[in-house]
Amino acid sequence: MSQDNLIKLVSLGDDKGVGKGHIIWSHKNTKKLKERLELKKYNPVAKKHTVYKEKKSK
């Protein structure tokens, strides 16, 4: 698996701040997407879907 397009997604937590800082690693097609990703994914710490934003991985 290529490590070139590996990005780090960090959770913003829920409205009370539970689950903030949880990290998910994913891949991104950098040829098509130039802007930073913002996705809604399941956060197992908060036990609900929260917003994840792309952060600098290195």
Protein backbone atom coordinates (compact mmCIF):
# COMPACT_ATOMS: atom_id res chain seq x y z
CA MET A 1 0.00 0.00 0.00
CA SER A 2 1.39 3.37 -1.00
CA GLN A 3 2.20 5.86 1.74
CA ASP A 4 2.30 8.85 -0.64
CA ASN A 5 -1.34 9.86 -0.25
CA LEU A 6 -1.73 8.96 3.42
CA ILE A 7 -3.48 11.70 5.42
CA LYS A 8 -4.33 12.14 9.10
CA LEU A 9 -7.91 13.04 10.06
CA VAL A 10 -8.40 14.46 13.57
CA SER A 11 -11.79 14.61 15.30
CA LEU A 12 -13.22 17.89 16.57
CA GLY A 13 -15.40 15.99 19.06
CA ASP A 14 -19.12 16.33 19.71
CA ASP A 15 -20.90 19.43 21.07
CA LYS A 16 -19.57 18.68 24.60
CA GLY A 17 -16.01 18.03 23.38
CA VAL A 18 -16.12 14.27 23.96
CA GLY A 19 -13.84 12.37 21.57
CA LYS A 20 -11.79 15.41 20.55
CA GLY A 21 -8.39 14.47 19.15
CA HIS A 22 -9.26 10.93 17.99
CA ILE A 23 -7.19 10.11 14.88
CA ILE A 24 -8.10 8.20 11.71
CA TRP A 25 -5.62 7.55 8.88
CA SER A 26 -6.93 7.48 5.31
CA HIS A 27 -5.85 7.91 1.70
CA LYS A 28 -6.57 10.91 -0.53
CA ASN A 29 -6.44 11.35 -4.30
CA THR A 30 -4.18 14.41 -4.45
CA LYS A 31 -4.55 14.75 -8.22
CA LYS A 32 -8.25 15.62 -7.90
CA LEU A 33 -8.53 17.08 -4.37
CA LYS A 34 -6.22 19.99 -3.55
CA GLU A 35 -8.15 21.44 -0.57
CA ARG A 36 -8.21 19.93 2.90
CA LEU A 37 -10.80 17.27 3.66
CA GLU A 38 -13.56 17.61 6.22
CA LEU A 39 -15.57 14.43 6.72
CA LYS A 40 -18.18 13.15 9.12
CA LYS A 41 -17.07 9.75 10.45
CA TYR A 42 -17.97 7.49 13.39
CA ASN A 43 -15.99 8.30 16.53
CA PRO A 44 -15.76 5.26 18.86
CA VAL A 45 -14.76 7.42 21.84
CA ALA A 46 -17.85 9.65 21.59
CA LYS A 47 -19.96 6.73 20.25
CA LYS A 48 -21.48 8.93 17.52
CA HIS A 49 -20.62 10.55 14.20
CA THR A 50 -18.36 13.60 14.51
CA VAL A 51 -16.53 15.91 12.12
CA TYR A 52 -12.95 14.98 11.20
CA LYS A 53 -10.60 17.53 9.63
CA GLU A 54 -7.40 16.85 7.74
CA LYS A 55 -4.22 17.82 9.58
CA LYS A 56 -0.62 17.85 8.49
CA SER A 57 0.64 14.29 8.94
CA LYS A 58 4.40 14.94 9.25
